[in-house]
Every structure is written in structure tokens, then in C-alpha cells.
Amino acid sequence: MPGGDMKVFNIILEYVPGGSIANLIQNFGAFEERTCVCYTRQILSGLEYLHNNKVVHRDIKGANILVTTNGCVKLTDFGHSTMLYSTLMTKELHSLKGDLLLANHPLTSCPCYF
């Protein structure tokens, strides 16, 4: 563009071919108990990681939980999330924007084996 004032903003997303939990249930029906346990452990582990880092997701739902072909769960869509900056007495929250994939953080091990 003339004048050299053009700014470029790149968004990089990871392709997760397994899709969301919502789509998997819609396409294939209810999960077996073992699968529910595996996914639930990973989701709770991811939420524990977020909460330990003072992040509150505020939009956990099947459409925002992606599953890789290996069975690894990834929490996405942090558009409604907030960062907790103060004590529980004041509950001062600050919004975060964008997506954050919580894959391969230290608490998550996948796929689940029993």
C-alpha cells in the first residue's frame, strides 16, 4: 500500500482433526464410560492448570473442548475468560481475549490408558 502504513495481523490456529466433543457426540452418540473418564480427567487437569495461573475460562462447553485423533483434550475459545488479579474478597477480574490451546501442559497426559 502507498505510504507504507499497512499493518499485518496474523492469526495462527492449530488444526485439530478430531473435532469438538459436541461434534463427536452429535456424530457418534454417547461416549463409553472409559472415554468420559479420560476426557474428564484431562479437562479437570486443564482447569486446575488455568486456576493455578489465575485464569477463569467461563465458557466450558462441548464446542470449546477439542479432541485430537490421539485422544488429547484441548481447551479453546478464551474470549469470555478472565484473569483473577486480586483476593477473593474483591473479586477483581480482567478479561482475556483470543484463544489459548492447553495442550501438553505439565498436568495433562494423553492419550489415557487404563
N, C-alpha and C. Protein backbone atom coordinates (compact mmCIF):
# COMPACT_ATOMS: atom_id res chain seq x y z
N MET A 1 0.82 -1.18 0.00
CA MET A 1 0.00 0.00 0.00
C MET A 1 0.87 1.25 0.00
N PRO A 2 0.38 2.31 -0.60
CA PRO A 2 1.15 3.55 -0.63
C PRO A 2 1.38 4.09 0.78
N GLY A 3 2.54 4.65 1.01
CA GLY A 3 2.86 5.27 2.28
C GLY A 3 3.46 4.32 3.29
N GLY A 4 3.40 3.03 3.06
CA GLY A 4 3.99 2.05 3.96
C GLY A 4 3.31 1.94 5.31
N ASP A 5 2.04 2.35 5.40
CA ASP A 5 1.32 2.30 6.68
C ASP A 5 0.56 0.99 6.89
N MET A 6 0.72 0.07 5.98
CA MET A 6 -0.01 -1.19 6.08
C MET A 6 0.50 -2.02 7.25
N LYS A 7 -0.41 -2.48 8.10
CA LYS A 7 -0.05 -3.33 9.22
C LYS A 7 -0.61 -4.72 8.96
N VAL A 8 0.16 -5.72 9.30
CA VAL A 8 -0.25 -7.10 9.09
C VAL A 8 -0.51 -7.74 10.43
N PHE A 9 -1.64 -8.40 10.55
CA PHE A 9 -2.01 -9.11 11.76
C PHE A 9 -2.25 -10.56 11.38
N ASN A 10 -1.43 -11.45 11.91
CA ASN A 10 -1.55 -12.87 11.60
C ASN A 10 -2.19 -13.62 12.75
N ILE A 11 -3.11 -14.50 12.43
CA ILE A 11 -3.71 -15.38 13.42
C ILE A 11 -3.29 -16.80 13.05
N ILE A 12 -2.69 -17.47 14.00
CA ILE A 12 -2.22 -18.83 13.75
C ILE A 12 -3.05 -19.78 14.60
N LEU A 13 -3.69 -20.73 13.96
CA LEU A 13 -4.52 -21.70 14.64
C LEU A 13 -3.97 -23.10 14.40
N GLU A 14 -4.16 -23.94 15.37
CA GLU A 14 -3.78 -25.34 15.22
C GLU A 14 -4.99 -26.11 14.71
N TYR A 15 -4.79 -26.92 13.68
CA TYR A 15 -5.86 -27.76 13.17
C TYR A 15 -5.97 -28.99 14.07
N VAL A 16 -7.16 -29.24 14.58
CA VAL A 16 -7.40 -30.40 15.43
C VAL A 16 -8.43 -31.28 14.71
N PRO A 17 -7.95 -32.31 14.00
CA PRO A 17 -8.82 -33.10 13.14
C PRO A 17 -9.89 -33.90 13.87
N GLY A 18 -9.73 -34.15 15.17
CA GLY A 18 -10.73 -34.92 15.90
C GLY A 18 -12.02 -34.17 16.11
N GLY A 19 -11.97 -32.84 16.09
CA GLY A 19 -13.16 -32.03 16.29
C GLY A 19 -13.47 -31.80 17.75
N SER A 20 -14.63 -31.22 18.00
CA SER A 20 -15.04 -30.90 19.36
C SER A 20 -15.79 -32.07 19.97
N ILE A 21 -15.86 -32.06 21.30
CA ILE A 21 -16.65 -33.09 21.99
C ILE A 21 -18.11 -33.00 21.56
N ALA A 22 -18.62 -31.81 21.37
CA ALA A 22 -20.01 -31.64 20.93
C ALA A 22 -20.25 -32.31 19.58
N ASN A 23 -19.33 -32.11 18.63
CA ASN A 23 -19.47 -32.74 17.31
C ASN A 23 -19.34 -34.25 17.38
N LEU A 24 -18.43 -34.73 18.21
CA LEU A 24 -18.25 -36.18 18.34
C LEU A 24 -19.51 -36.84 18.89
N ILE A 25 -20.12 -36.23 19.90
CA ILE A 25 -21.36 -36.78 20.46
C ILE A 25 -22.49 -36.71 19.43
N GLN A 26 -22.57 -35.61 18.71
CA GLN A 26 -23.61 -35.45 17.70
C GLN A 26 -23.47 -36.49 16.58
N ASN A 27 -22.23 -36.75 16.16
CA ASN A 27 -22.00 -37.66 15.05
C ASN A 27 -21.98 -39.14 15.44
N PHE A 28 -21.53 -39.45 16.67
CA PHE A 28 -21.34 -40.85 17.04
C PHE A 28 -22.13 -41.29 18.26
N GLY A 29 -22.83 -40.38 18.91
CA GLY A 29 -23.61 -40.74 20.09
C GLY A 29 -22.80 -40.65 21.36
N ALA A 30 -23.39 -41.14 22.43
CA ALA A 30 -22.79 -41.05 23.77
C ALA A 30 -21.46 -41.80 23.82
N PHE A 31 -20.54 -41.28 24.65
CA PHE A 31 -19.24 -41.91 24.85
C PHE A 31 -19.38 -43.08 25.82
N GLU A 32 -18.47 -44.03 25.70
CA GLU A 32 -18.36 -45.08 26.70
C GLU A 32 -17.83 -44.45 27.99
N GLU A 33 -18.06 -45.12 29.11
CA GLU A 33 -17.64 -44.59 30.40
C GLU A 33 -16.13 -44.34 30.44
N ARG A 34 -15.34 -45.25 29.88
CA ARG A 34 -13.88 -45.08 29.87
C ARG A 34 -13.47 -43.80 29.15
N THR A 35 -14.14 -43.52 28.05
CA THR A 35 -13.83 -42.30 27.29
C THR A 35 -14.21 -41.07 28.09
N CYS A 36 -15.38 -41.10 28.75
CA CYS A 36 -15.80 -39.97 29.59
C CYS A 36 -14.79 -39.72 30.70
N VAL A 37 -14.32 -40.78 31.33
CA VAL A 37 -13.34 -40.64 32.41
C VAL A 37 -12.05 -40.03 31.88
N CYS A 38 -11.60 -40.50 30.75
CA CYS A 38 -10.37 -39.99 30.14
C CYS A 38 -10.48 -38.50 29.83
N TYR A 39 -11.54 -38.11 29.15
CA TYR A 39 -11.73 -36.71 28.79
C TYR A 39 -11.93 -35.83 30.03
N THR A 40 -12.71 -36.32 30.99
CA THR A 40 -12.97 -35.55 32.20
C THR A 40 -11.69 -35.30 32.98
N ARG A 41 -10.83 -36.30 33.09
CA ARG A 41 -9.55 -36.12 33.78
C ARG A 41 -8.73 -35.02 33.12
N GLN A 42 -8.67 -35.05 31.80
CA GLN A 42 -7.88 -34.05 31.09
C GLN A 42 -8.49 -32.65 31.21
N ILE A 43 -9.82 -32.56 31.13
CA ILE A 43 -10.49 -31.26 31.25
C ILE A 43 -10.24 -30.69 32.64
N LEU A 44 -10.40 -31.51 33.67
CA LEU A 44 -10.19 -31.03 35.04
C LEU A 44 -8.73 -30.66 35.28
N SER A 45 -7.83 -31.41 34.67
CA SER A 45 -6.41 -31.09 34.78
C SER A 45 -6.11 -29.74 34.13
N GLY A 46 -6.71 -29.50 32.97
CA GLY A 46 -6.54 -28.22 32.30
C GLY A 46 -7.12 -27.06 33.10
N LEU A 47 -8.30 -27.28 33.69
CA LEU A 47 -8.91 -26.24 34.53
C LEU A 47 -8.09 -25.99 35.78
N GLU A 48 -7.53 -27.04 36.35
CA GLU A 48 -6.65 -26.86 37.51
C GLU A 48 -5.44 -26.00 37.13
N TYR A 49 -4.87 -26.29 35.98
CA TYR A 49 -3.73 -25.51 35.49
C TYR A 49 -4.12 -24.03 35.32
N LEU A 50 -5.27 -23.80 34.69
CA LEU A 50 -5.74 -22.42 34.50
C LEU A 50 -5.95 -21.72 35.84
N HIS A 51 -6.64 -22.38 36.75
CA HIS A 51 -6.95 -21.76 38.04
C HIS A 51 -5.70 -21.50 38.85
N ASN A 52 -4.72 -22.40 38.77
CA ASN A 52 -3.45 -22.17 39.45
C ASN A 52 -2.72 -20.96 38.89
N ASN A 53 -3.03 -20.61 37.64
CA ASN A 53 -2.43 -19.44 36.99
C ASN A 53 -3.41 -18.26 36.94
N LYS A 54 -4.43 -18.32 37.79
CA LYS A 54 -5.39 -17.24 37.99
C LYS A 54 -6.21 -16.90 36.74
N VAL A 55 -6.48 -17.91 35.92
CA VAL A 55 -7.31 -17.73 34.73
C VAL A 55 -8.63 -18.47 34.96
N VAL A 56 -9.75 -17.78 34.71
CA VAL A 56 -11.07 -18.38 34.80
C VAL A 56 -11.64 -18.43 33.38
N HIS A 57 -11.93 -19.62 32.86
CA HIS A 57 -12.36 -19.78 31.47
C HIS A 57 -13.75 -19.20 31.23
N ARG A 58 -14.73 -19.53 32.00
CA ARG A 58 -16.10 -19.03 31.97
C ARG A 58 -16.93 -19.45 30.76
N ASP A 59 -16.47 -20.38 29.94
CA ASP A 59 -17.27 -20.83 28.80
C ASP A 59 -16.94 -22.28 28.45
N ILE A 60 -16.88 -23.12 29.46
CA ILE A 60 -16.61 -24.54 29.22
C ILE A 60 -17.88 -25.18 28.68
N LYS A 61 -17.79 -25.73 27.50
CA LYS A 61 -18.88 -26.46 26.86
C LYS A 61 -18.29 -27.36 25.80
N GLY A 62 -19.05 -28.31 25.33
CA GLY A 62 -18.56 -29.29 24.37
C GLY A 62 -17.95 -28.68 23.12
N ALA A 63 -18.48 -27.58 22.65
CA ALA A 63 -17.96 -26.94 21.44
C ALA A 63 -16.59 -26.32 21.65
N ASN A 64 -16.22 -26.04 22.92
CA ASN A 64 -14.93 -25.42 23.23
C ASN A 64 -13.90 -26.41 23.76
N ILE A 65 -14.21 -27.69 23.62
CA ILE A 65 -13.26 -28.73 24.02
C ILE A 65 -12.98 -29.58 22.79
N LEU A 66 -11.76 -29.45 22.29
CA LEU A 66 -11.36 -30.20 21.10
C LEU A 66 -10.63 -31.47 21.51
N VAL A 67 -10.73 -32.49 20.66
CA VAL A 67 -10.08 -33.77 20.93
C VAL A 67 -9.25 -34.14 19.72
N THR A 68 -7.96 -34.41 19.94
CA THR A 68 -7.09 -34.83 18.85
C THR A 68 -7.39 -36.28 18.47
N THR A 69 -6.82 -36.73 17.39
CA THR A 69 -7.00 -38.12 16.98
C THR A 69 -6.34 -39.08 17.96
N ASN A 70 -5.43 -38.59 18.80
CA ASN A 70 -4.80 -39.41 19.85
C ASN A 70 -5.62 -39.44 21.12
N GLY A 71 -6.67 -38.65 21.22
CA GLY A 71 -7.48 -38.60 22.43
C GLY A 71 -7.06 -37.52 23.41
N CYS A 72 -6.20 -36.60 22.98
CA CYS A 72 -5.79 -35.48 23.84
C CYS A 72 -6.84 -34.37 23.77
N VAL A 73 -7.20 -33.85 24.93
CA VAL A 73 -8.19 -32.79 25.02
C VAL A 73 -7.49 -31.44 25.01
N LYS A 74 -8.08 -30.50 24.28
CA LYS A 74 -7.55 -29.14 24.22
C LYS A 74 -8.68 -28.16 24.50
N LEU A 75 -8.49 -27.34 25.51
CA LEU A 75 -9.47 -26.30 25.83
C LEU A 75 -9.23 -25.10 24.92
N THR A 76 -10.30 -24.57 24.35
CA THR A 76 -10.18 -23.45 23.41
C THR A 76 -11.19 -22.37 23.73
N ASP A 77 -11.15 -21.32 22.95
CA ASP A 77 -12.05 -20.18 23.00
C ASP A 77 -12.04 -19.50 24.36
N PHE A 78 -11.04 -18.68 24.55
CA PHE A 78 -10.87 -17.96 25.79
C PHE A 78 -11.44 -16.54 25.70
N GLY A 79 -12.37 -16.32 24.79
CA GLY A 79 -12.95 -15.00 24.60
C GLY A 79 -13.74 -14.48 25.79
N HIS A 80 -14.29 -15.37 26.61
CA HIS A 80 -15.04 -14.97 27.80
C HIS A 80 -14.23 -15.13 29.08
N SER A 81 -13.00 -15.53 28.97
CA SER A 81 -12.19 -15.81 30.16
C SER A 81 -11.76 -14.52 30.84
N THR A 82 -11.39 -14.67 32.10
CA THR A 82 -10.91 -13.54 32.87
C THR A 82 -9.67 -13.95 33.64
N MET A 83 -8.92 -12.95 34.03
CA MET A 83 -7.73 -13.15 34.84
C MET A 83 -8.02 -12.61 36.23
N LEU A 84 -7.80 -13.42 37.23
CA LEU A 84 -8.03 -13.01 38.61
C LEU A 84 -6.77 -12.34 39.13
N TYR A 85 -6.87 -11.05 39.47
CA TYR A 85 -5.71 -10.28 39.89
C TYR A 85 -5.68 -9.97 41.37
N SER A 86 -6.76 -10.22 42.07
CA SER A 86 -6.78 -9.82 43.47
C SER A 86 -7.32 -10.94 44.34
N THR A 87 -7.61 -10.65 45.57
CA THR A 87 -8.08 -11.65 46.51
C THR A 87 -9.54 -12.00 46.24
N LEU A 88 -9.99 -13.03 46.88
CA LEU A 88 -11.39 -13.43 46.75
C LEU A 88 -12.34 -12.38 47.34
N MET A 89 -11.83 -11.53 48.21
CA MET A 89 -12.68 -10.51 48.83
C MET A 89 -13.15 -9.48 47.80
N THR A 90 -12.30 -9.05 46.90
CA THR A 90 -12.69 -8.02 45.94
C THR A 90 -13.12 -8.60 44.61
N LYS A 91 -12.67 -9.80 44.27
CA LYS A 91 -13.03 -10.48 43.02
C LYS A 91 -12.84 -9.58 41.80
N GLU A 92 -11.75 -8.90 41.72
CA GLU A 92 -11.46 -8.02 40.59
C GLU A 92 -11.00 -8.88 39.42
N LEU A 93 -11.76 -8.87 38.32
CA LEU A 93 -11.46 -9.70 37.16
C LEU A 93 -11.13 -8.82 35.96
N HIS A 94 -10.22 -9.30 35.14
CA HIS A 94 -9.84 -8.61 33.91
C HIS A 94 -9.98 -9.58 32.75
N SER A 95 -10.63 -9.15 31.67
CA SER A 95 -10.90 -10.05 30.55
C SER A 95 -9.65 -10.36 29.75
N LEU A 96 -9.61 -11.58 29.24
CA LEU A 96 -8.58 -12.01 28.29
C LEU A 96 -9.26 -12.13 26.94
N LYS A 97 -8.53 -11.98 25.89
CA LYS A 97 -9.09 -12.11 24.55
C LYS A 97 -8.32 -13.16 23.78
N GLY A 98 -8.99 -13.79 22.82
CA GLY A 98 -8.33 -14.74 21.94
C GLY A 98 -8.45 -16.17 22.41
N ASP A 99 -7.75 -17.05 21.72
CA ASP A 99 -7.77 -18.47 22.01
C ASP A 99 -6.45 -18.90 22.62
N LEU A 100 -6.52 -19.89 23.45
CA LEU A 100 -5.34 -20.49 24.05
C LEU A 100 -5.56 -21.98 24.07
N LEU A 101 -4.69 -22.73 23.45
CA LEU A 101 -4.81 -24.18 23.47
C LEU A 101 -4.00 -24.71 24.62
N LEU A 102 -4.65 -25.45 25.49
CA LEU A 102 -3.97 -26.02 26.64
C LEU A 102 -3.61 -27.46 26.33
N ALA A 103 -2.65 -27.63 25.50
CA ALA A 103 -2.19 -28.98 25.21
C ALA A 103 -0.78 -29.11 25.72
N ASN A 104 -0.46 -30.26 26.17
CA ASN A 104 0.90 -30.58 26.60
C ASN A 104 1.37 -29.73 27.77
N HIS A 105 0.45 -29.22 28.60
CA HIS A 105 0.91 -28.58 29.82
C HIS A 105 1.30 -29.70 30.78
N PRO A 106 2.06 -29.41 31.80
CA PRO A 106 2.65 -30.46 32.64
C PRO A 106 1.64 -31.40 33.28
N LEU A 107 0.40 -30.99 33.47
CA LEU A 107 -0.56 -31.83 34.16
C LEU A 107 -1.30 -32.79 33.24
N THR A 108 -1.25 -32.55 31.93
CA THR A 108 -2.02 -33.36 31.00
C THR A 108 -1.16 -34.47 30.43
N SER A 109 -1.64 -35.68 30.55
CA SER A 109 -1.00 -36.80 29.88
C SER A 109 -2.04 -37.45 29.00
N CYS A 110 -1.72 -37.63 27.74
CA CYS A 110 -2.69 -38.21 26.83
C CYS A 110 -1.95 -39.05 25.79
N PRO A 111 -2.58 -40.02 25.19
CA PRO A 111 -3.95 -40.44 25.47
C PRO A 111 -4.03 -41.17 26.80
N CYS A 112 -5.25 -41.35 27.26
CA CYS A 112 -5.46 -42.04 28.54
C CYS A 112 -5.38 -43.54 28.33
N TYR A 113 -4.67 -44.20 29.19
CA TYR A 113 -4.61 -45.66 29.19
C TYR A 113 -5.06 -46.15 30.54
N PHE A 114 -5.80 -47.22 30.55
CA PHE A 114 -6.31 -47.76 31.80
C PHE A 114 -5.65 -49.09 32.09
